[in-house]
Amino acid sequence: MRILLVDDEIELTDPLGRVLTRQGYIVDLAYDGKSGNQLAQSKNYDLLILDWMLPEKTGLEICQQIRTQGKTTPVLFLTAKDTLDDRVQGLDAGADDYLVKPFELRELLARVRALLRRAGIDHHSNTTGRLVVADLELDVENQIAYRQGKMIELSQKESSLLQYFMENSGQLLTHHQIMQNLWTNSEQPESNVIAALIRLLRRKIEADSQSQLIHTVYGKGYRFGSTVIE
């Protein structure tokens, strides 16, 4: 999936572009409205992330122009404008969602996934029920993973944990979040059960000196992906 990110704050745009790339998206960057609009016109994108106030051409004008042309590409505004009138103006211009700066990274990633789902695009899975992150593939239905062509059999809990990690790759997942996702309230295990389960999963998917995918964020939880994001 291809995303266009247009924002003149380079200290925000460049790191955010790297994070989205690590999530598996193809990301094009622009730092002013003119070049951003040219990219929006010349390429097909699955999502546009636009700053409202841009040099030469505003994000609002870019959004209005693509809507006038009949394009239905989802648009997410990033802006410091936070009044009700501003939000109404942005939505009336054709935006699909609105995120006020400063924002939490995990909220932005969640909104990106939601907009792509709403548009009928699933970043992580396909019709065969498989998830792919880096060189690891998970067959959800059959509880089998594949890494570098090698088949890895998983227990039900290992498969559920890996699925949760892959569906939230790049995000910090706390012990509490993992516990809530894998067990019901009536069967909450001891906290060391999670650590033990993760050790077992690591032995299977990171065997034979393969690169690390499960990263421990000490005192907080875990982050999944080929590159750890601090």
Protein backbone atom coordinates (compact mmCIF):
# COMPACT_ATOMS: atom_id res chain seq x y z
CA MET A 1 0.00 0.00 0.00
CA ARG A 2 1.22 3.46 -0.92
CA ILE A 3 0.82 6.49 1.35
CA LEU A 4 1.55 10.14 0.56
CA LEU A 5 2.65 12.18 3.58
CA VAL A 6 2.78 15.96 3.11
CA ASP A 7 3.99 18.14 5.98
CA ASP A 8 6.46 21.03 6.10
CA GLU A 9 7.75 20.07 9.57
CA ILE A 10 10.74 17.97 8.51
CA GLU A 11 11.47 16.96 12.11
CA LEU A 12 8.02 15.30 12.14
CA THR A 13 7.71 14.16 8.53
CA ASP A 14 10.96 12.24 8.17
CA PRO A 15 10.66 10.13 11.38
CA LEU A 16 6.98 9.47 10.70
CA GLY A 17 7.81 8.39 7.17
CA ARG A 18 10.37 5.92 8.54
CA VAL A 19 7.85 4.51 11.02
CA LEU A 20 5.23 4.00 8.32
CA THR A 21 7.83 2.33 6.11
CA ARG A 22 8.71 -0.06 8.95
CA GLN A 23 5.01 -0.87 9.17
CA GLY A 24 5.23 -2.17 5.60
CA TYR A 25 3.77 0.81 3.72
CA ILE A 26 5.34 2.44 0.68
CA VAL A 27 5.66 6.10 1.66
CA ASP A 28 6.25 9.17 -0.50
CA LEU A 29 7.14 12.42 1.29
CA ALA A 30 6.58 16.05 0.33
CA TYR A 31 7.33 19.18 2.33
CA ASP A 32 5.17 21.78 0.57
CA GLY A 33 1.73 21.90 -0.94
CA LYS A 34 2.84 22.34 -4.55
CA SER A 35 5.02 19.20 -4.70
CA GLY A 36 2.50 17.30 -2.56
CA ASN A 37 -0.28 18.18 -4.96
CA GLN A 38 1.83 17.13 -7.95
CA LEU A 39 2.42 13.72 -6.37
CA ALA A 40 -1.27 13.36 -5.48
CA GLN A 41 -2.15 14.08 -9.10
CA SER A 42 0.50 11.90 -10.74
CA LYS A 43 0.34 8.73 -8.62
CA ASN A 44 -2.32 6.45 -7.21
CA TYR A 45 -2.29 6.37 -3.41
CA ASP A 46 -4.24 4.30 -0.92
CA LEU A 47 -4.10 7.11 1.66
CA LEU A 48 -3.14 10.79 1.84
CA ILE A 49 -1.86 12.24 5.13
CA LEU A 50 -1.90 16.03 4.77
CA ASP A 51 -0.89 18.88 7.00
CA TRP A 52 -3.49 21.64 6.83
CA MET A 53 -1.14 24.64 6.65
CA LEU A 54 1.47 24.13 3.92
CA PRO A 55 3.62 26.51 1.86
CA GLU A 56 2.38 27.29 -1.68
CA LYS A 57 -0.81 25.19 -1.43
CA THR A 58 -2.68 24.14 1.70
CA GLY A 59 -3.68 20.60 2.53
CA LEU A 60 -7.27 21.79 2.44
CA GLU A 61 -6.84 22.91 -1.17
CA ILE A 62 -5.19 19.60 -2.14
CA CYS A 63 -8.08 17.69 -0.61
CA GLN A 64 -10.69 19.88 -2.31
CA GLN A 65 -8.98 19.47 -5.68
CA ILE A 66 -8.84 15.67 -5.61
CA ARG A 67 -12.47 15.50 -4.48
CA THR A 68 -13.50 17.82 -7.33
CA GLN A 69 -11.82 15.36 -9.68
CA GLY A 70 -13.92 12.55 -8.25
CA LYS A 71 -11.07 10.76 -6.44
CA THR A 72 -12.15 8.87 -3.31
CA THR A 73 -8.68 8.31 -1.81
CA PRO A 74 -8.95 8.49 2.01
CA VAL A 75 -7.53 11.71 3.47
CA LEU A 76 -6.26 12.18 7.02
CA PHE A 77 -5.53 15.75 8.15
CA LEU A 78 -2.72 16.48 10.61
CA THR A 79 -3.11 19.98 12.01
CA ALA A 80 -2.80 22.28 14.99
CA LYS A 81 -6.25 23.67 14.16
CA ASP A 82 -8.55 22.24 16.82
CA THR A 83 -11.74 24.30 16.93
CA LEU A 84 -15.10 22.84 15.95
CA ASP A 85 -15.31 25.18 12.94
CA ASP A 86 -11.90 23.97 11.75
CA ARG A 87 -12.91 20.33 12.01
CA VAL A 88 -16.17 20.99 10.17
CA GLN A 89 -14.32 22.88 7.44
CA GLY A 90 -11.85 20.04 6.99
CA LEU A 91 -14.53 17.38 6.84
CA ASP A 92 -16.64 19.46 4.46
CA ALA A 93 -13.61 19.77 2.18
CA GLY A 94 -13.61 15.98 1.86
CA ALA A 95 -11.32 14.78 4.63
CA ASP A 96 -12.10 11.39 6.13
CA ASP A 97 -10.39 11.90 9.49
CA TYR A 98 -8.70 14.59 11.53
CA LEU A 99 -5.83 14.36 14.02
CA VAL A 100 -4.75 17.35 16.09
CA LYS A 101 -1.04 17.95 16.77
CA PRO A 102 0.67 16.91 18.95
CA PHE A 103 -0.58 13.34 18.70
CA GLU A 104 0.42 9.88 19.91
CA LEU A 105 2.10 7.72 17.28
CA ARG A 106 0.01 4.65 18.09
CA GLU A 107 -3.20 6.68 17.60
CA LEU A 108 -2.04 7.82 14.17
CA LEU A 109 -1.16 4.24 13.17
CA ALA A 110 -4.56 3.05 14.40
CA ARG A 111 -6.31 5.74 12.34
CA VAL A 112 -4.27 4.80 9.28
CA ARG A 113 -5.32 1.16 9.65
CA ALA A 114 -8.96 2.17 10.21
CA LEU A 115 -9.05 4.36 7.08
CA LEU A 116 -7.50 1.63 4.96
CA ARG A 117 -9.99 -0.92 6.31
CA ARG A 118 -12.85 1.48 5.60
CA ALA A 119 -11.58 1.76 2.04
CA GLY A 120 -11.57 -2.03 1.73
CA ILE A 121 -7.79 -2.39 2.07
CA ASP A 122 -6.30 -4.76 4.65
CA HIS A 123 -2.61 -4.04 5.16
CA HIS A 124 -1.77 -7.19 7.07
CA SER A 125 -3.95 -9.96 5.72
CA ASN A 126 -5.28 -11.28 2.46
CA THR A 127 -7.98 -13.67 1.31
CA THR A 128 -5.94 -16.67 2.40
CA GLY A 129 -5.94 -15.55 6.08
CA ARG A 130 -2.20 -14.94 6.23
CA LEU A 131 -0.19 -12.23 7.97
CA VAL A 132 3.21 -11.07 6.76
CA VAL A 133 5.81 -8.98 8.60
CA ALA A 134 9.38 -8.81 7.28
CA ASP A 135 10.34 -12.39 6.27
CA LEU A 136 7.83 -14.03 8.62
CA GLU A 137 4.45 -15.31 7.45
CA LEU A 138 1.66 -16.68 9.63
CA ASP A 139 -1.10 -18.98 8.42
CA VAL A 140 -3.68 -17.99 11.02
CA GLU A 141 -6.20 -20.75 10.35
CA ASN A 142 -3.68 -23.59 10.48
CA GLN A 143 -1.46 -22.15 13.26
CA ILE A 144 1.66 -22.49 11.12
CA ALA A 145 4.36 -19.87 10.56
CA TYR A 146 6.94 -19.72 7.79
CA ARG A 147 10.29 -17.98 7.97
CA GLN A 148 12.74 -18.07 5.10
CA GLY A 149 10.81 -21.00 3.69
CA LYS A 150 10.97 -23.04 6.89
CA MET A 151 7.69 -24.25 8.37
CA ILE A 152 7.19 -23.59 12.10
CA GLU A 153 4.42 -25.36 13.97
CA LEU A 154 2.81 -23.36 16.77
CA SER A 155 0.57 -24.09 19.71
CA GLN A 156 -2.78 -22.31 19.90
CA LYS A 157 -1.49 -19.73 22.39
CA GLU A 158 1.76 -19.21 20.46
CA SER A 159 -0.21 -18.63 17.28
CA SER A 160 -2.58 -16.21 19.03
CA LEU A 161 0.33 -14.28 20.51
CA LEU A 162 2.15 -14.10 17.18
CA GLN A 163 -1.03 -12.98 15.43
CA TYR A 164 -1.49 -10.19 18.00
CA PHE A 165 2.13 -9.10 17.57
CA MET A 166 1.92 -9.09 13.76
CA GLU A 167 -1.36 -7.21 13.66
CA ASN A 168 0.23 -4.53 15.84
CA SER A 169 3.78 -4.57 14.48
CA GLY A 170 5.85 -1.56 15.46
CA GLN A 171 3.64 -0.72 18.43
CA LEU A 172 4.54 -1.02 22.09
CA LEU A 173 2.36 -3.73 23.64
CA THR A 174 2.24 -3.86 27.44
CA HIS A 175 1.96 -7.01 29.53
CA HIS A 176 -1.60 -5.97 30.41
CA GLN A 177 -2.60 -5.56 26.74
CA ILE A 178 -1.17 -8.96 25.83
CA MET A 179 -2.91 -10.61 28.76
CA GLN A 180 -6.24 -9.00 27.91
CA ASN A 181 -5.94 -10.11 24.30
CA LEU A 182 -4.94 -13.74 24.93
CA TRP A 183 -6.99 -14.61 28.02
CA THR A 184 -10.48 -13.88 29.28
CA ASN A 185 -10.99 -12.11 32.60
CA SER A 186 -11.98 -15.41 34.21
CA GLU A 187 -8.74 -17.15 33.23
CA GLN A 188 -6.06 -14.50 33.85
CA PRO A 189 -2.71 -16.31 34.33
CA GLU A 190 0.26 -15.37 36.45
CA SER A 191 2.35 -12.56 34.94
CA ASN A 192 5.34 -14.86 34.35
CA VAL A 193 3.24 -16.96 31.97
CA ILE A 194 3.52 -14.24 29.34
CA ALA A 195 7.31 -14.12 29.63
CA ALA A 196 7.48 -17.90 29.35
CA LEU A 197 5.21 -17.92 26.28
CA ILE A 198 7.30 -15.25 24.60
CA ARG A 199 10.49 -17.24 25.28
CA LEU A 200 8.95 -20.28 23.60
CA LEU A 201 7.82 -18.23 20.61
CA ARG A 202 11.24 -16.61 20.25
CA ARG A 203 12.93 -20.02 20.16
CA LYS A 204 10.73 -20.98 17.23
CA ILE A 205 10.69 -17.86 15.06
CA GLU A 206 14.20 -16.57 15.85
CA ALA A 207 16.06 -19.88 15.63
CA ASP A 208 19.20 -20.52 13.56
CA SER A 209 20.60 -17.00 14.20
CA GLN A 210 17.71 -15.36 12.39
CA SER A 211 17.23 -11.64 13.03
CA GLN A 212 15.29 -10.62 16.11
CA LEU A 213 11.59 -9.81 15.71
CA ILE A 214 10.34 -9.67 19.32
CA HIS A 215 11.99 -6.75 21.10
CA THR A 216 11.77 -6.28 24.86
CA VAL A 217 11.11 -2.70 25.98
CA TYR A 218 12.33 -2.99 29.55
CA GLY A 219 9.80 -2.00 32.18
CA LYS A 220 7.09 -1.47 29.56
CA GLY A 221 6.42 -4.49 27.35
CA TYR A 222 7.31 -5.68 23.86
CA ARG A 223 7.51 -4.38 20.32
CA PHE A 224 7.37 -6.60 17.24
CA GLY A 225 9.12 -5.97 13.95
CA SER A 226 12.35 -6.29 12.02
CA THR A 227 13.61 -2.98 13.45
CA VAL A 228 13.03 -1.79 16.98
CA ILE A 229 11.57 1.74 17.21
CA GLU A 230 12.48 3.65 20.33
